Amino acid sequence: HSEDDHVEKLCDSYYNDLDIKYYRNTS
C-alpha cells in the first residue's frame, strides 16, 4: 500500500531466496 517503490525493490531482492507473490495496490 506504499506510495513509493521501496517495498517492491526489496521484494525483488528476495525472489531468489523466497517464493514471493507481490501485489501493488493502486488505490
PDB file of all heavy atoms in Angstrom:
ATOM      1  N   HIS A   1       0.826  -1.203   0.000  1.00  0.00           N
ATOM      2  CA  HIS A   1       0.000   0.000   0.000  1.00  0.00           C
ATOM      3  C   HIS A   1       0.869   1.265   0.000  1.00  0.00           C
ATOM      4  O   HIS A   1       0.388   2.347   0.293  1.00  0.00           O
ATOM      5  CB  HIS A   1      -0.915   0.026   1.235  1.00  0.00           C
ATOM      6  CG  HIS A   1      -1.855  -1.124   1.293  1.00  0.00           C
ATOM      7  ND1 HIS A   1      -3.118  -1.070   0.777  1.00  0.00           N
ATOM      8  CD2 HIS A   1      -1.702  -2.379   1.776  1.00  0.00           C
ATOM      9  CE1 HIS A   1      -3.715  -2.237   0.952  1.00  0.00           C
ATOM     10  NE2 HIS A   1      -2.870  -3.042   1.556  1.00  0.00           N
ATOM     11  N   SER A   2       2.144   1.114  -0.301  1.00  0.00           N
ATOM     12  CA  SER A   2       3.084   2.231  -0.251  1.00  0.00           C
ATOM     13  C   SER A   2       2.893   3.187  -1.419  1.00  0.00           C
ATOM     14  O   SER A   2       2.449   2.796  -2.495  1.00  0.00           O
ATOM     15  CB  SER A   2       4.525   1.718  -0.298  1.00  0.00           C
ATOM     16  OG  SER A   2       4.785   0.857   0.775  1.00  0.00           O
ATOM     17  N   GLU A   3       3.283   4.423  -1.192  1.00  0.00           N
ATOM     18  CA  GLU A   3       3.263   5.421  -2.261  1.00  0.00           C
ATOM     19  C   GLU A   3       4.577   5.420  -3.043  1.00  0.00           C
ATOM     20  O   GLU A   3       4.647   5.987  -4.121  1.00  0.00           O
ATOM     21  CB  GLU A   3       2.987   6.806  -1.687  1.00  0.00           C
ATOM     22  CG  GLU A   3       1.573   6.928  -1.137  1.00  0.00           C
ATOM     23  CD  GLU A   3       1.276   8.310  -0.578  1.00  0.00           C
ATOM     24  OE1 GLU A   3       2.167   9.187  -0.630  1.00  0.00           O
ATOM     25  OE2 GLU A   3       0.161   8.509  -0.099  1.00  0.00           O
ATOM     26  N   ASP A   4       5.621   4.806  -2.503  1.00  0.00           N
ATOM     27  CA  ASP A   4       6.909   4.743  -3.194  1.00  0.00           C
ATOM     28  C   ASP A   4       7.190   3.298  -3.610  1.00  0.00           C
ATOM     29  O   ASP A   4       6.351   2.419  -3.442  1.00  0.00           O
ATOM     30  CB  ASP A   4       8.029   5.302  -2.309  1.00  0.00           C
ATOM     31  CG  ASP A   4       8.152   4.581  -0.971  1.00  0.00           C
ATOM     32  OD1 ASP A   4       7.907   3.364  -0.916  1.00  0.00           O
ATOM     33  OD2 ASP A   4       8.493   5.240   0.021  1.00  0.00           O
ATOM     34  N   ASP A   5       8.368   3.037  -4.154  1.00  0.00           N
ATOM     35  CA  ASP A   5       8.682   1.697  -4.656  1.00  0.00           C
ATOM     36  C   ASP A   5       9.704   0.946  -3.805  1.00  0.00           C
ATOM     37  O   ASP A   5      10.261  -0.043  -4.244  1.00  0.00           O
ATOM     38  CB  ASP A   5       9.166   1.776  -6.099  1.00  0.00           C
ATOM     39  CG  ASP A   5      10.465   2.556  -6.242  1.00  0.00           C
ATOM     40  OD1 ASP A   5      10.904   3.192  -5.270  1.00  0.00           O
ATOM     41  OD2 ASP A   5      11.037   2.530  -7.349  1.00  0.00           O
ATOM     42  N   HIS A   6       9.930   1.382  -2.572  1.00  0.00           N
ATOM     43  CA  HIS A   6      10.928   0.739  -1.716  1.00  0.00           C
ATOM     44  C   HIS A   6      10.564  -0.709  -1.386  1.00  0.00           C
ATOM     45  O   HIS A   6      11.428  -1.589  -1.404  1.00  0.00           O
ATOM     46  CB  HIS A   6      11.136   1.544  -0.431  1.00  0.00           C
ATOM     47  CG  HIS A   6      11.754   2.876  -0.676  1.00  0.00           C
ATOM     48  ND1 HIS A   6      11.026   4.032  -0.618  1.00  0.00           N
ATOM     49  CD2 HIS A   6      13.009   3.238  -1.006  1.00  0.00           C
ATOM     50  CE1 HIS A   6      11.812   5.053  -0.888  1.00  0.00           C
ATOM     51  NE2 HIS A   6      13.023   4.594  -1.140  1.00  0.00           N
ATOM     52  N   VAL A   7       9.312  -0.965  -1.084  1.00  0.00           N
ATOM     53  CA  VAL A   7       8.871  -2.327  -0.755  1.00  0.00           C
ATOM     54  C   VAL A   7       9.008  -3.223  -1.982  1.00  0.00           C
ATOM     55  O   VAL A   7       9.491  -4.353  -1.890  1.00  0.00           O
ATOM     56  CB  VAL A   7       7.426  -2.324  -0.215  1.00  0.00           C
ATOM     57  CG1 VAL A   7       6.870  -3.731  -0.135  1.00  0.00           C
ATOM     58  CG2 VAL A   7       7.368  -1.645   1.147  1.00  0.00           C
ATOM     59  N   GLU A   8       8.615  -2.725  -3.136  1.00  0.00           N
ATOM     60  CA  GLU A   8       8.712  -3.514  -4.366  1.00  0.00           C
ATOM     61  C   GLU A   8      10.165  -3.887  -4.666  1.00  0.00           C
ATOM     62  O   GLU A   8      10.473  -5.033  -4.999  1.00  0.00           O
ATOM     63  CB  GLU A   8       8.122  -2.741  -5.537  1.00  0.00           C
ATOM     64  CG  GLU A   8       8.130  -3.514  -6.831  1.00  0.00           C
ATOM     65  CD  GLU A   8       7.454  -2.781  -7.967  1.00  0.00           C
ATOM     66  OE1 GLU A   8       7.205  -1.560  -7.864  1.00  0.00           O
ATOM     67  OE2 GLU A   8       7.159  -3.445  -8.963  1.00  0.00           O
ATOM     68  N   LYS A   9      11.075  -2.940  -4.533  1.00  0.00           N
ATOM     69  CA  LYS A   9      12.504  -3.211  -4.780  1.00  0.00           C
ATOM     70  C   LYS A   9      13.041  -4.231  -3.778  1.00  0.00           C
ATOM     71  O   LYS A   9      13.847  -5.088  -4.130  1.00  0.00           O
ATOM     72  CB  LYS A   9      13.311  -1.921  -4.726  1.00  0.00           C
ATOM     73  CG  LYS A   9      13.082  -1.039  -5.917  1.00  0.00           C
ATOM     74  CD  LYS A   9      13.902   0.229  -5.830  1.00  0.00           C
ATOM     75  CE  LYS A   9      13.682   1.095  -7.066  1.00  0.00           C
ATOM     76  NZ  LYS A   9      14.443   2.341  -6.993  1.00  0.00           N
ATOM     77  N   LEU A  10      12.607  -4.127  -2.535  1.00  0.00           N
ATOM     78  CA  LEU A  10      13.030  -5.092  -1.525  1.00  0.00           C
ATOM     79  C   LEU A  10      12.547  -6.494  -1.886  1.00  0.00           C
ATOM     80  O   LEU A  10      13.316  -7.456  -1.815  1.00  0.00           O
ATOM     81  CB  LEU A  10      12.501  -4.686  -0.148  1.00  0.00           C
ATOM     82  CG  LEU A  10      12.848  -5.641   0.985  1.00  0.00           C
ATOM     83  CD1 LEU A  10      14.355  -5.645   1.237  1.00  0.00           C
ATOM     84  CD2 LEU A  10      12.095  -5.272   2.235  1.00  0.00           C
ATOM     85  N   CYS A  11      11.293  -6.605  -2.284  1.00  0.00           N
ATOM     86  CA  CYS A  11      10.753  -7.909  -2.692  1.00  0.00           C
ATOM     87  C   CYS A  11      11.546  -8.476  -3.863  1.00  0.00           C
ATOM     88  O   CYS A  11      11.855  -9.674  -3.889  1.00  0.00           O
ATOM     89  CB  CYS A  11       9.281  -7.788  -3.061  1.00  0.00           C
ATOM     90  SG  CYS A  11       8.227  -7.487  -1.630  1.00  0.00           S
ATOM     91  N   ASP A  12      11.894  -7.624  -4.816  1.00  0.00           N
ATOM     92  CA  ASP A  12      12.702  -8.070  -5.957  1.00  0.00           C
ATOM     93  C   ASP A  12      14.019  -8.695  -5.505  1.00  0.00           C
ATOM     94  O   ASP A  12      14.479  -9.674  -6.082  1.00  0.00           O
ATOM     95  CB  ASP A  12      13.008  -6.900  -6.898  1.00  0.00           C
ATOM     96  CG  ASP A  12      11.814  -6.460  -7.713  1.00  0.00           C
ATOM     97  OD1 ASP A  12      10.829  -7.226  -7.810  1.00  0.00           O
ATOM     98  OD2 ASP A  12      11.865  -5.347  -8.271  1.00  0.00           O
ATOM     99  N   SER A  13      14.602  -8.152  -4.448  1.00  0.00           N
ATOM    100  CA  SER A  13      15.891  -8.657  -3.983  1.00  0.00           C
ATOM    101  C   SER A  13      15.784 -10.011  -3.277  1.00  0.00           C
ATOM    102  O   SER A  13      16.794 -10.679  -3.064  1.00  0.00           O
ATOM    103  CB  SER A  13      16.564  -7.636  -3.059  1.00  0.00           C
ATOM    104  OG  SER A  13      15.895  -7.552  -1.817  1.00  0.00           O
ATOM    105  N   TYR A  14      14.561 -10.442  -2.927  1.00  0.00           N
ATOM    106  CA  TYR A  14      14.364 -11.718  -2.228  1.00  0.00           C
ATOM    107  C   TYR A  14      13.776 -12.812  -3.119  1.00  0.00           C
ATOM    108  O   TYR A  14      13.552 -13.921  -2.662  1.00  0.00           O
ATOM    109  CB  TYR A  14      13.449 -11.529  -1.013  1.00  0.00           C
ATOM    110  CG  TYR A  14      14.171 -11.011   0.193  1.00  0.00           C
ATOM    111  CD1 TYR A  14      14.318  -9.646   0.402  1.00  0.00           C
ATOM    112  CD2 TYR A  14      14.723 -11.878   1.128  1.00  0.00           C
ATOM    113  CE1 TYR A  14      14.990  -9.161   1.500  1.00  0.00           C
ATOM    114  CE2 TYR A  14      15.399 -11.400   2.228  1.00  0.00           C
ATOM    115  CZ  TYR A  14      15.526 -10.039   2.415  1.00  0.00           C
ATOM    116  OH  TYR A  14      16.194  -9.567   3.511  1.00  0.00           O
ATOM    117  N   TYR A  15      13.516 -12.524  -4.394  1.00  0.00           N
ATOM    118  CA  TYR A  15      12.877 -13.511  -5.261  1.00  0.00           C
ATOM    119  C   TYR A  15      13.679 -14.800  -5.398  1.00  0.00           C
ATOM    120  O   TYR A  15      13.105 -15.868  -5.576  1.00  0.00           O
ATOM    121  CB  TYR A  15      12.585 -12.928  -6.642  1.00  0.00           C
ATOM    122  CG  TYR A  15      11.320 -12.121  -6.695  1.00  0.00           C
ATOM    123  CD1 TYR A  15      11.311 -10.840  -7.216  1.00  0.00           C
ATOM    124  CD2 TYR A  15      10.118 -12.631  -6.214  1.00  0.00           C
ATOM    125  CE1 TYR A  15      10.146 -10.091  -7.267  1.00  0.00           C
ATOM    126  CE2 TYR A  15       8.957 -11.889  -6.250  1.00  0.00           C
ATOM    127  CZ  TYR A  15       8.974 -10.622  -6.780  1.00  0.00           C
ATOM    128  OH  TYR A  15       7.818  -9.887  -6.820  1.00  0.00           O
ATOM    129  N   ASN A  16      14.983 -14.742  -5.316  1.00  0.00           N
ATOM    130  CA  ASN A  16      15.801 -15.960  -5.409  1.00  0.00           C
ATOM    131  C   ASN A  16      15.828 -16.759  -4.111  1.00  0.00           C
ATOM    132  O   ASN A  16      16.191 -17.932  -4.110  1.00  0.00           O
ATOM    133  CB  ASN A  16      17.230 -15.623  -5.831  1.00  0.00           C
ATOM    134  CG  ASN A  16      17.295 -15.139  -7.257  1.00  0.00           C
ATOM    135  OD1 ASN A  16      16.508 -15.546  -8.095  1.00  0.00           O
ATOM    136  ND2 ASN A  16      18.229 -14.243  -7.525  1.00  0.00           N
ATOM    137  N   ASP A  17      15.454 -16.122  -3.011  1.00  0.00           N
ATOM    138  CA  ASP A  17      15.519 -16.771  -1.695  1.00  0.00           C
ATOM    139  C   ASP A  17      14.173 -17.294  -1.203  1.00  0.00           C
ATOM    140  O   ASP A  17      14.125 -18.240  -0.431  1.00  0.00           O
ATOM    141  CB  ASP A  17      16.064 -15.791  -0.652  1.00  0.00           C
ATOM    142  CG  ASP A  17      17.457 -15.315  -0.991  1.00  0.00           C
ATOM    143  OD1 ASP A  17      18.289 -16.142  -1.407  1.00  0.00           O
ATOM    144  OD2 ASP A  17      17.715 -14.104  -0.849  1.00  0.00           O
ATOM    145  N   LEU A  18      13.090 -16.637  -1.601  1.00  0.00           N
ATOM    146  CA  LEU A  18      11.751 -16.975  -1.105  1.00  0.00           C
ATOM    147  C   LEU A  18      10.756 -16.988  -2.254  1.00  0.00           C
ATOM    148  O   LEU A  18      10.955 -16.306  -3.262  1.00  0.00           O
ATOM    149  CB  LEU A  18      11.298 -15.936  -0.064  1.00  0.00           C
ATOM    150  CG  LEU A  18      12.092 -15.855   1.224  1.00  0.00           C
ATOM    151  CD1 LEU A  18      11.730 -14.585   1.992  1.00  0.00           C
ATOM    152  CD2 LEU A  18      11.847 -17.079   2.080  1.00  0.00           C
ATOM    153  N   ASP A  19       9.682 -17.741  -2.063  1.00  0.00           N
ATOM    154  CA  ASP A  19       8.581 -17.739  -3.021  1.00  0.00           C
ATOM    155  C   ASP A  19       7.685 -16.554  -2.683  1.00  0.00           C
ATOM    156  O   ASP A  19       6.806 -16.646  -1.831  1.00  0.00           O
ATOM    157  CB  ASP A  19       7.814 -19.059  -2.932  1.00  0.00           C
ATOM    158  CG  ASP A  19       6.669 -19.152  -3.913  1.00  0.00           C
ATOM    159  OD1 ASP A  19       6.546 -18.268  -4.792  1.00  0.00           O
ATOM    160  OD2 ASP A  19       5.886 -20.116  -3.805  1.00  0.00           O
ATOM    161  N   ILE A  20       7.948 -15.410  -3.328  1.00  0.00           N
ATOM    162  CA  ILE A  20       7.229 -14.169  -3.031  1.00  0.00           C
ATOM    163  C   ILE A  20       6.222 -13.872  -4.130  1.00  0.00           C
ATOM    164  O   ILE A  20       6.543 -13.926  -5.317  1.00  0.00           O
ATOM    165  CB  ILE A  20       8.202 -12.984  -2.896  1.00  0.00           C
ATOM    166  CG1 ILE A  20       9.084 -13.180  -1.660  1.00  0.00           C
ATOM    167  CG2 ILE A  20       7.449 -11.664  -2.809  1.00  0.00           C
ATOM    168  CD1 ILE A  20      10.066 -12.061  -1.422  1.00  0.00           C
ATOM    169  N   LYS A  21       5.022 -13.537  -3.692  1.00  0.00           N
ATOM    170  CA  LYS A  21       3.968 -13.042  -4.576  1.00  0.00           C
ATOM    171  C   LYS A  21       3.746 -11.585  -4.184  1.00  0.00           C
ATOM    172  O   LYS A  21       3.325 -11.292  -3.062  1.00  0.00           O
ATOM    173  CB  LYS A  21       2.662 -13.823  -4.405  1.00  0.00           C
ATOM    174  CG  LYS A  21       2.801 -15.327  -4.534  1.00  0.00           C
ATOM    175  CD  LYS A  21       3.160 -15.743  -5.936  1.00  0.00           C
ATOM    176  CE  LYS A  21       3.075 -17.236  -6.111  1.00  0.00           C
ATOM    177  NZ  LYS A  21       4.316 -17.949  -5.980  1.00  0.00           N
ATOM    178  N   TYR A  22       4.079 -10.684  -5.076  1.00  0.00           N
ATOM    179  CA  TYR A  22       3.986  -9.250  -4.790  1.00  0.00           C
ATOM    180  C   TYR A  22       2.765  -8.656  -5.478  1.00  0.00           C
ATOM    181  O   TYR A  22       2.557  -8.869  -6.674  1.00  0.00           O
ATOM    182  CB  TYR A  22       5.255  -8.532  -5.264  1.00  0.00           C
ATOM    183  CG  TYR A  22       5.182  -7.031  -5.135  1.00  0.00           C
ATOM    184  CD1 TYR A  22       5.455  -6.412  -3.929  1.00  0.00           C
ATOM    185  CD2 TYR A  22       4.821  -6.243  -6.217  1.00  0.00           C
ATOM    186  CE1 TYR A  22       5.367  -5.038  -3.795  1.00  0.00           C
ATOM    187  CE2 TYR A  22       4.737  -4.865  -6.101  1.00  0.00           C
ATOM    188  CZ  TYR A  22       5.008  -4.273  -4.887  1.00  0.00           C
ATOM    189  OH  TYR A  22       4.920  -2.921  -4.760  1.00  0.00           O
ATOM    190  N   TYR A  23       1.963  -7.920  -4.723  1.00  0.00           N
ATOM    191  CA  TYR A  23       0.777  -7.251  -5.251  1.00  0.00           C
ATOM    192  C   TYR A  23       0.817  -5.784  -4.838  1.00  0.00           C
ATOM    193  O   TYR A  23       0.871  -5.486  -3.648  1.00  0.00           O
ATOM    194  CB  TYR A  23      -0.505  -7.889  -4.711  1.00  0.00           C
ATOM    195  CG  TYR A  23      -0.591  -9.356  -4.996  1.00  0.00           C
ATOM    196  CD1 TYR A  23      -0.180 -10.288  -4.058  1.00  0.00           C
ATOM    197  CD2 TYR A  23      -1.062  -9.816  -6.229  1.00  0.00           C
ATOM    198  CE1 TYR A  23      -0.246 -11.651  -4.336  1.00  0.00           C
ATOM    199  CE2 TYR A  23      -1.126 -11.169  -6.506  1.00  0.00           C
ATOM    200  CZ  TYR A  23      -0.705 -12.075  -5.553  1.00  0.00           C
ATOM    201  OH  TYR A  23      -0.762 -13.414  -5.824  1.00  0.00           O
ATOM    202  N   ARG A  24       0.806  -4.911  -5.806  1.00  0.00           N
ATOM    203  CA  ARG A  24       0.790  -3.476  -5.517  1.00  0.00           C
ATOM    204  C   ARG A  24      -0.649  -2.976  -5.617  1.00  0.00           C
ATOM    205  O   ARG A  24      -1.322  -3.210  -6.617  1.00  0.00           O
ATOM    206  CB  ARG A  24       1.656  -2.706  -6.489  1.00  0.00           C
ATOM    207  CG  ARG A  24       1.661  -1.214  -6.169  1.00  0.00           C
ATOM    208  CD  ARG A  24       2.802  -0.521  -6.881  1.00  0.00           C
ATOM    209  NE  ARG A  24       3.005   0.763  -6.297  1.00  0.00           N
ATOM    210  CZ  ARG A  24       3.936   1.042  -5.392  1.00  0.00           C
ATOM    211  NH1 ARG A  24       4.750   0.123  -5.002  1.00  0.00           N
ATOM    212  NH2 ARG A  24       4.055   2.249  -4.911  1.00  0.00           N
ATOM    213  N   ASN A  25      -1.108  -2.302  -4.596  1.00  0.00           N
ATOM    214  CA  ASN A  25      -2.445  -1.711  -4.577  1.00  0.00           C
ATOM    215  C   ASN A  25      -2.359  -0.298  -5.117  1.00  0.00           C
ATOM    216  O   ASN A  25      -1.631   0.539  -4.585  1.00  0.00           O
ATOM    217  CB  ASN A  25      -3.006  -1.708  -3.162  1.00  0.00           C
ATOM    218  CG  ASN A  25      -3.214  -3.103  -2.656  1.00  0.00           C
ATOM    219  OD1 ASN A  25      -3.950  -3.869  -3.244  1.00  0.00           O
ATOM    220  ND2 ASN A  25      -2.519  -3.455  -1.582  1.00  0.00           N
ATOM    221  N   THR A  26      -3.076  -0.037  -6.165  1.00  0.00           N
ATOM    222  CA  THR A  26      -3.038   1.280  -6.773  1.00  0.00           C
ATOM    223  C   THR A  26      -3.971   2.256  -6.079  1.00  0.00           C
ATOM    224  O   THR A  26      -3.824   3.466  -6.218  1.00  0.00           O
ATOM    225  CB  THR A  26      -3.401   1.205  -8.265  1.00  0.00           C
ATOM    226  OG1 THR A  26      -4.671   0.587  -8.398  1.00  0.00           O
ATOM    227  CG2 THR A  26      -2.356   0.397  -9.030  1.00  0.00           C
ATOM    228  N   SER A  27      -4.908   1.744  -5.313  1.00  0.00           N
ATOM    229  CA  SER A  27      -5.850   2.602  -4.600  1.00  0.00           C
ATOM    230  C   SER A  27      -5.448   2.669  -3.131  1.00  0.00           C
ATOM    231  O   SER A  27      -5.037   1.678  -2.535  1.00  0.00           O
ATOM    232  CB  SER A  27      -7.262   2.027  -4.709  1.00  0.00           C
ATOM    233  OG  SER A  27      -8.144   2.754  -3.901  1.00  0.00           O
TER     234      SER A  27
END
